[in-house]
PDB file of all heavy atoms in Angstrom:
ATOM      1  N   VAL A   1       0.878  -1.173   0.000  1.00  0.00           N
ATOM      2  CA  VAL A   1       0.000   0.000   0.000  1.00  0.00           C
ATOM      3  C   VAL A   1       0.914   1.221   0.000  1.00  0.00           C
ATOM      4  O   VAL A   1       1.587   1.492   0.998  1.00  0.00           O
ATOM      5  CB  VAL A   1      -0.935   0.034   1.229  1.00  0.00           C
ATOM      6  CG1 VAL A   1      -1.825   1.271   1.169  1.00  0.00           C
ATOM      7  CG2 VAL A   1      -1.772  -1.228   1.310  1.00  0.00           C
ATOM      8  N   TYR A   2       0.942   1.940  -1.108  1.00  0.00           N
ATOM      9  CA  TYR A   2       1.879   3.055  -1.222  1.00  0.00           C
ATOM     10  C   TYR A   2       1.506   4.190  -0.274  1.00  0.00           C
ATOM     11  O   TYR A   2       0.331   4.450  -0.010  1.00  0.00           O
ATOM     12  CB  TYR A   2       1.933   3.555  -2.660  1.00  0.00           C
ATOM     13  CG  TYR A   2       2.514   2.539  -3.604  1.00  0.00           C
ATOM     14  CD1 TYR A   2       1.703   1.818  -4.464  1.00  0.00           C
ATOM     15  CD2 TYR A   2       3.876   2.251  -3.574  1.00  0.00           C
ATOM     16  CE1 TYR A   2       2.232   0.846  -5.311  1.00  0.00           C
ATOM     17  CE2 TYR A   2       4.416   1.286  -4.418  1.00  0.00           C
ATOM     18  CZ  TYR A   2       3.588   0.590  -5.282  1.00  0.00           C
ATOM     19  OH  TYR A   2       4.113  -0.376  -6.101  1.00  0.00           O
ATOM     20  N   ASN A   3       2.519   4.853   0.262  1.00  0.00           N
ATOM     21  CA  ASN A   3       2.298   5.947   1.198  1.00  0.00           C
ATOM     22  C   ASN A   3       1.462   7.048   0.562  1.00  0.00           C
ATOM     23  O   ASN A   3       1.722   7.461  -0.573  1.00  0.00           O
ATOM     24  CB  ASN A   3       3.633   6.548   1.630  1.00  0.00           C
ATOM     25  CG  ASN A   3       4.329   5.711   2.684  1.00  0.00           C
ATOM     26  OD1 ASN A   3       3.693   4.924   3.360  1.00  0.00           O
ATOM     27  ND2 ASN A   3       5.619   5.889   2.829  1.00  0.00           N
ATOM     28  N   PRO A   4       0.471   7.556   1.276  1.00  0.00           N
ATOM     29  CA  PRO A   4      -0.310   8.688   0.752  1.00  0.00           C
ATOM     30  C   PRO A   4       0.511   9.963   0.802  1.00  0.00           C
ATOM     31  O   PRO A   4       1.428  10.097   1.617  1.00  0.00           O
ATOM     32  CB  PRO A   4      -1.494   8.764   1.713  1.00  0.00           C
ATOM     33  CG  PRO A   4      -0.952   8.224   2.996  1.00  0.00           C
ATOM     34  CD  PRO A   4       0.018   7.143   2.612  1.00  0.00           C
ATOM     35  N   ILE A   5       0.184  10.899  -0.059  1.00  0.00           N
ATOM     36  CA  ILE A   5       0.859  12.193  -0.020  1.00  0.00           C
ATOM     37  C   ILE A   5      -0.114  13.259  -0.503  1.00  0.00           C
ATOM     38  O   ILE A   5      -0.901  13.024  -1.424  1.00  0.00           O
ATOM     39  CB  ILE A   5       2.155  12.187  -0.861  1.00  0.00           C
ATOM     40  CG1 ILE A   5       3.017  13.400  -0.538  1.00  0.00           C
ATOM     41  CG2 ILE A   5       1.864  12.097  -2.348  1.00  0.00           C
ATOM     42  CD1 ILE A   5       4.457  13.239  -0.978  1.00  0.00           C
ATOM     43  N   VAL A   6      -0.109  14.398   0.150  1.00  0.00           N
ATOM     44  CA  VAL A   6      -0.973  15.517  -0.196  1.00  0.00           C
ATOM     45  C   VAL A   6      -0.105  16.766  -0.273  1.00  0.00           C
ATOM     46  O   VAL A   6       0.475  17.190   0.723  1.00  0.00           O
ATOM     47  CB  VAL A   6      -2.084  15.728   0.861  1.00  0.00           C
ATOM     48  CG1 VAL A   6      -3.004  16.876   0.435  1.00  0.00           C
ATOM     49  CG2 VAL A   6      -2.887  14.457   1.069  1.00  0.00           C
ATOM     50  N   ILE A   7       0.006  17.353  -1.460  1.00  0.00           N
ATOM     51  CA  ILE A   7       0.886  18.503  -1.679  1.00  0.00           C
ATOM     52  C   ILE A   7       0.092  19.633  -2.311  1.00  0.00           C
ATOM     53  O   ILE A   7      -0.638  19.429  -3.284  1.00  0.00           O
ATOM     54  CB  ILE A   7       2.069  18.138  -2.616  1.00  0.00           C
ATOM     55  CG1 ILE A   7       2.961  17.077  -1.972  1.00  0.00           C
ATOM     56  CG2 ILE A   7       2.877  19.367  -2.967  1.00  0.00           C
ATOM     57  CD1 ILE A   7       3.757  17.539  -0.785  1.00  0.00           C
ATOM     58  N   ASP A   8       0.218  20.831  -1.768  1.00  0.00           N
ATOM     59  CA  ASP A   8      -0.366  22.011  -2.385  1.00  0.00           C
ATOM     60  C   ASP A   8       0.513  22.436  -3.561  1.00  0.00           C
ATOM     61  O   ASP A   8       1.726  22.606  -3.414  1.00  0.00           O
ATOM     62  CB  ASP A   8      -0.469  23.160  -1.377  1.00  0.00           C
ATOM     63  CG  ASP A   8      -1.413  22.814  -0.236  1.00  0.00           C
ATOM     64  OD1 ASP A   8      -2.428  22.141  -0.500  1.00  0.00           O
ATOM     65  OD2 ASP A   8      -1.127  23.201   0.907  1.00  0.00           O
ATOM     66  N   LYS A   9      -0.093  22.582  -4.743  1.00  0.00           N
ATOM     67  CA  LYS A   9       0.669  22.942  -5.926  1.00  0.00           C
ATOM     68  C   LYS A   9       1.232  24.363  -5.799  1.00  0.00           C
ATOM     69  O   LYS A   9       0.567  25.274  -5.311  1.00  0.00           O
ATOM     70  CB  LYS A   9      -0.205  22.859  -7.179  1.00  0.00           C
ATOM     71  CG  LYS A   9      -0.767  21.467  -7.448  1.00  0.00           C
ATOM     72  CD  LYS A   9       0.337  20.439  -7.675  1.00  0.00           C
ATOM     73  CE  LYS A   9      -0.240  19.062  -7.989  1.00  0.00           C
ATOM     74  NZ  LYS A   9       0.807  18.053  -8.185  1.00  0.00           N
ATOM     75  N   VAL A  10       2.480  24.529  -6.243  1.00  0.00           N
ATOM     76  CA  VAL A  10       3.158  25.820  -6.165  1.00  0.00           C
ATOM     77  C   VAL A  10       3.768  26.106  -7.526  1.00  0.00           C
ATOM     78  O   VAL A  10       4.306  25.216  -8.182  1.00  0.00           O
ATOM     79  CB  VAL A  10       4.271  25.797  -5.091  1.00  0.00           C
ATOM     80  CG1 VAL A  10       4.952  27.152  -4.989  1.00  0.00           C
ATOM     81  CG2 VAL A  10       3.698  25.393  -3.745  1.00  0.00           C
ATOM     82  N   ASP A  11       3.673  27.353  -7.985  1.00  0.00           N
ATOM     83  CA  ASP A  11       4.288  27.726  -9.252  1.00  0.00           C
ATOM     84  C   ASP A  11       5.801  27.651  -9.138  1.00  0.00           C
ATOM     85  O   ASP A  11       6.402  28.186  -8.208  1.00  0.00           O
ATOM     86  CB  ASP A  11       3.887  29.151  -9.652  1.00  0.00           C
ATOM     87  CG  ASP A  11       2.417  29.238 -10.016  1.00  0.00           C
ATOM     88  OD1 ASP A  11       1.849  28.204 -10.417  1.00  0.00           O
ATOM     89  OD2 ASP A  11       1.835  30.331  -9.892  1.00  0.00           O
ATOM     90  N   LYS A  12       6.422  26.983 -10.100  1.00  0.00           N
ATOM     91  CA  LYS A  12       7.877  26.837 -10.101  1.00  0.00           C
ATOM     92  C   LYS A  12       8.544  28.114 -10.593  1.00  0.00           C
ATOM     93  O   LYS A  12       8.119  28.729 -11.549  1.00  0.00           O
ATOM     94  CB  LYS A  12       8.283  25.668 -10.993  1.00  0.00           C
ATOM     95  CG  LYS A  12       9.791  25.442 -11.051  1.00  0.00           C
ATOM     96  CD  LYS A  12      10.111  24.169 -11.763  1.00  0.00           C
ATOM     97  CE  LYS A  12      11.581  24.061 -12.140  1.00  0.00           C
ATOM     98  NZ  LYS A  12      12.505  24.568 -11.160  1.00  0.00           N
ATOM     99  N   LYS A  13       9.590  28.525  -9.911  1.00  0.00           N
ATOM    100  CA  LYS A  13      10.333  29.727 -10.289  1.00  0.00           C
ATOM    101  C   LYS A  13      11.622  29.307 -10.990  1.00  0.00           C
ATOM    102  O   LYS A  13      12.337  28.432 -10.532  1.00  0.00           O
ATOM    103  CB  LYS A  13      10.664  30.555  -9.048  1.00  0.00           C
ATOM    104  CG  LYS A  13       9.428  31.001  -8.272  1.00  0.00           C
ATOM    105  CD  LYS A  13       9.831  31.682  -6.974  1.00  0.00           C
ATOM    106  CE  LYS A  13       8.601  32.047  -6.168  1.00  0.00           C
ATOM    107  NZ  LYS A  13       8.956  32.636  -4.858  1.00  0.00           N
ATOM    108  N   GLU A  14      11.916  29.966 -12.092  1.00  0.00           N
ATOM    109  CA  GLU A  14      13.156  29.677 -12.812  1.00  0.00           C
ATOM    110  C   GLU A  14      14.288  30.503 -12.211  1.00  0.00           C
ATOM    111  O   GLU A  14      14.204  31.727 -12.114  1.00  0.00           O
ATOM    112  CB  GLU A  14      12.993  30.016 -14.296  1.00  0.00           C
ATOM    113  CG  GLU A  14      11.979  29.146 -15.030  1.00  0.00           C
ATOM    114  CD  GLU A  14      12.392  27.688 -15.070  1.00  0.00           C
ATOM    115  OE1 GLU A  14      13.606  27.410 -14.981  1.00  0.00           O
ATOM    116  OE2 GLU A  14      11.501  26.833 -15.186  1.00  0.00           O
ATOM    117  N   ILE A  15      15.348  29.838 -11.765  1.00  0.00           N
ATOM    118  CA  ILE A  15      16.494  30.525 -11.162  1.00  0.00           C
ATOM    119  C   ILE A  15      17.764  30.007 -11.817  1.00  0.00           C
ATOM    120  O   ILE A  15      17.922  28.811 -12.017  1.00  0.00           O
ATOM    121  CB  ILE A  15      16.549  30.267  -9.642  1.00  0.00           C
ATOM    122  CG1 ILE A  15      15.314  30.848  -8.963  1.00  0.00           C
ATOM    123  CG2 ILE A  15      17.814  30.849  -9.035  1.00  0.00           C
ATOM    124  CD1 ILE A  15      15.261  30.609  -7.476  1.00  0.00           C
ATOM    125  N   LYS A  16      18.660  30.927 -12.181  1.00  0.00           N
ATOM    126  CA  LYS A  16      19.960  30.565 -12.719  1.00  0.00           C
ATOM    127  C   LYS A  16      21.019  31.077 -11.769  1.00  0.00           C
ATOM    128  O   LYS A  16      20.860  32.137 -11.176  1.00  0.00           O
ATOM    129  CB  LYS A  16      20.149  31.157 -14.122  1.00  0.00           C
ATOM    130  CG  LYS A  16      19.126  30.651 -15.132  1.00  0.00           C
ATOM    131  CD  LYS A  16      19.213  29.165 -15.338  1.00  0.00           C
ATOM    132  CE  LYS A  16      18.164  28.654 -16.308  1.00  0.00           C
ATOM    133  NZ  LYS A  16      18.214  27.191 -16.449  1.00  0.00           N
ATOM    134  N   PRO A  17      22.126  30.378 -11.593  1.00  0.00           N
ATOM    135  CA  PRO A  17      22.558  29.136 -12.231  1.00  0.00           C
ATOM    136  C   PRO A  17      21.659  27.950 -11.862  1.00  0.00           C
ATOM    137  O   PRO A  17      20.673  28.125 -11.160  1.00  0.00           O
ATOM    138  CB  PRO A  17      23.966  28.946 -11.682  1.00  0.00           C
ATOM    139  CG  PRO A  17      23.917  29.596 -10.350  1.00  0.00           C
ATOM    140  CD  PRO A  17      23.046  30.794 -10.523  1.00  0.00           C
ATOM    141  N   ILE A  18      22.056  26.753 -12.351  1.00  0.00           N
ATOM    142  CA  ILE A  18      21.295  25.558 -12.023  1.00  0.00           C
ATOM    143  C   ILE A  18      21.267  25.385 -10.503  1.00  0.00           C
ATOM    144  O   ILE A  18      22.302  25.409  -9.839  1.00  0.00           O
ATOM    145  CB  ILE A  18      21.916  24.314 -12.686  1.00  0.00           C
ATOM    146  CG1 ILE A  18      21.778  24.398 -14.204  1.00  0.00           C
ATOM    147  CG2 ILE A  18      21.256  23.033 -12.167  1.00  0.00           C
ATOM    148  CD1 ILE A  18      22.502  23.296 -14.938  1.00  0.00           C
ATOM    149  N   ILE A  19      20.070  25.234  -9.955  1.00  0.00           N
ATOM    150  CA  ILE A  19      19.910  25.069  -8.516  1.00  0.00           C
ATOM    151  C   ILE A  19      19.582  23.611  -8.205  1.00  0.00           C
ATOM    152  O   ILE A  19      18.591  23.063  -8.694  1.00  0.00           O
ATOM    153  CB  ILE A  19      18.788  25.982  -7.969  1.00  0.00           C
ATOM    154  CG1 ILE A  19      19.097  27.441  -8.280  1.00  0.00           C
ATOM    155  CG2 ILE A  19      18.612  25.762  -6.464  1.00  0.00           C
ATOM    156  CD1 ILE A  19      20.370  27.965  -7.657  1.00  0.00           C
ATOM    157  N   LEU A  20      20.426  23.000  -7.388  1.00  0.00           N
ATOM    158  CA  LEU A  20      20.189  21.649  -6.887  1.00  0.00           C
ATOM    159  C   LEU A  20      19.767  21.739  -5.426  1.00  0.00           C
ATOM    160  O   LEU A  20      20.179  22.654  -4.710  1.00  0.00           O
ATOM    161  CB  LEU A  20      21.456  20.793  -7.001  1.00  0.00           C
ATOM    162  CG  LEU A  20      22.112  20.689  -8.375  1.00  0.00           C
ATOM    163  CD1 LEU A  20      23.356  19.827  -8.288  1.00  0.00           C
ATOM    164  CD2 LEU A  20      21.141  20.127  -9.405  1.00  0.00           C
ATOM    165  N   MET A  21      18.971  20.780  -4.980  1.00  0.00           N
ATOM    166  CA  MET A  21      18.526  20.777  -3.590  1.00  0.00           C
ATOM    167  C   MET A  21      18.449  19.347  -3.084  1.00  0.00           C
ATOM    168  O   MET A  21      18.096  18.428  -3.823  1.00  0.00           O
ATOM    169  CB  MET A  21      17.159  21.456  -3.470  1.00  0.00           C
ATOM    170  CG  MET A  21      16.695  21.701  -2.043  1.00  0.00           C
ATOM    171  SD  MET A  21      15.132  22.611  -1.995  1.00  0.00           S
ATOM    172  CE  MET A  21      15.665  24.184  -2.674  1.00  0.00           C
ATOM    173  N   SER A  22      18.801  19.158  -1.811  1.00  0.00           N
ATOM    174  CA  SER A  22      18.695  17.855  -1.152  1.00  0.00           C
ATOM    175  C   SER A  22      18.232  18.068   0.277  1.00  0.00           C
ATOM    176  O   SER A  22      18.437  19.138   0.849  1.00  0.00           O
ATOM    177  CB  SER A  22      20.049  17.121  -1.145  1.00  0.00           C
ATOM    178  OG  SER A  22      20.494  16.850  -2.458  1.00  0.00           O
ATOM    179  N   ALA A  23      17.621  17.033   0.857  1.00  0.00           N
ATOM    180  CA  ALA A  23      17.247  17.040   2.268  1.00  0.00           C
ATOM    181  C   ALA A  23      17.566  15.657   2.814  1.00  0.00           C
ATOM    182  O   ALA A  23      16.838  14.704   2.555  1.00  0.00           O
ATOM    183  CB  ALA A  23      15.767  17.373   2.438  1.00  0.00           C
ATOM    184  N   THR A  24      18.671  15.533   3.544  1.00  0.00           N
ATOM    185  CA  THR A  24      19.128  14.193   3.917  1.00  0.00           C
ATOM    186  C   THR A  24      20.218  14.272   4.973  1.00  0.00           C
ATOM    187  O   THR A  24      20.897  15.291   5.109  1.00  0.00           O
ATOM    188  CB  THR A  24      19.678  13.456   2.686  1.00  0.00           C
ATOM    189  OG1 THR A  24      20.098  12.140   3.060  1.00  0.00           O
ATOM    190  CG2 THR A  24      20.856  14.197   2.083  1.00  0.00           C
ATOM    191  N   ARG A  25      20.365  13.211   5.741  1.00  0.00           N
ATOM    192  CA  ARG A  25      21.578  13.054   6.526  1.00  0.00           C
ATOM    193  C   ARG A  25      22.704  12.696   5.568  1.00  0.00           C
ATOM    194  O   ARG A  25      22.467  12.138   4.505  1.00  0.00           O
ATOM    195  CB  ARG A  25      21.395  11.968   7.589  1.00  0.00           C
ATOM    196  CG  ARG A  25      20.438  12.385   8.694  1.00  0.00           C
ATOM    197  CD  ARG A  25      20.402  11.361   9.822  1.00  0.00           C
ATOM    198  NE  ARG A  25      19.788  10.120   9.389  1.00  0.00           N
ATOM    199  CZ  ARG A  25      18.464   9.927   9.348  1.00  0.00           C
ATOM    200  NH1 ARG A  25      17.633  10.886   9.697  1.00  0.00           N
ATOM    201  NH2 ARG A  25      17.971   8.759   8.956  1.00  0.00           N
ATOM    202  N   LEU A  26      23.931  13.011   5.950  1.00  0.00           N
ATOM    203  CA  LEU A  26      25.058  12.801   5.047  1.00  0.00           C
ATOM    204  C   LEU A  26      25.958  11.688   5.591  1.00  0.00           C
ATOM    205  O   LEU A  26      26.968  11.928   6.237  1.00  0.00           O
ATOM    206  CB  LEU A  26      25.845  14.100   4.863  1.00  0.00           C
ATOM    207  CG  LEU A  26      25.086  15.193   4.094  1.00  0.00           C
ATOM    208  CD1 LEU A  26      25.872  16.490   4.070  1.00  0.00           C
ATOM    209  CD2 LEU A  26      24.786  14.734   2.675  1.00  0.00           C
ATOM    210  N   ASN A  27      25.539  10.451   5.311  1.00  0.00           N
ATOM    211  CA  ASN A  27      26.381   9.299   5.596  1.00  0.00           C
ATOM    212  C   ASN A  27      26.313   8.368   4.391  1.00  0.00           C
ATOM    213  O   ASN A  27      25.622   8.646   3.415  1.00  0.00           O
ATOM    214  CB  ASN A  27      25.944   8.584   6.882  1.00  0.00           C
ATOM    215  CG  ASN A  27      24.471   8.215   6.878  1.00  0.00           C
ATOM    216  OD1 ASN A  27      23.937   7.786   5.854  1.00  0.00           O
ATOM    217  ND2 ASN A  27      23.801   8.377   8.009  1.00  0.00           N
TER     218      ASN A  27
END
């Protein structure tokens, strides 16, 4: 049974340079 998810849609903003993002412990 896949995890449910509910997300409010947000307009994506274009930003330069290339923007990378992560959310994690670093091991």
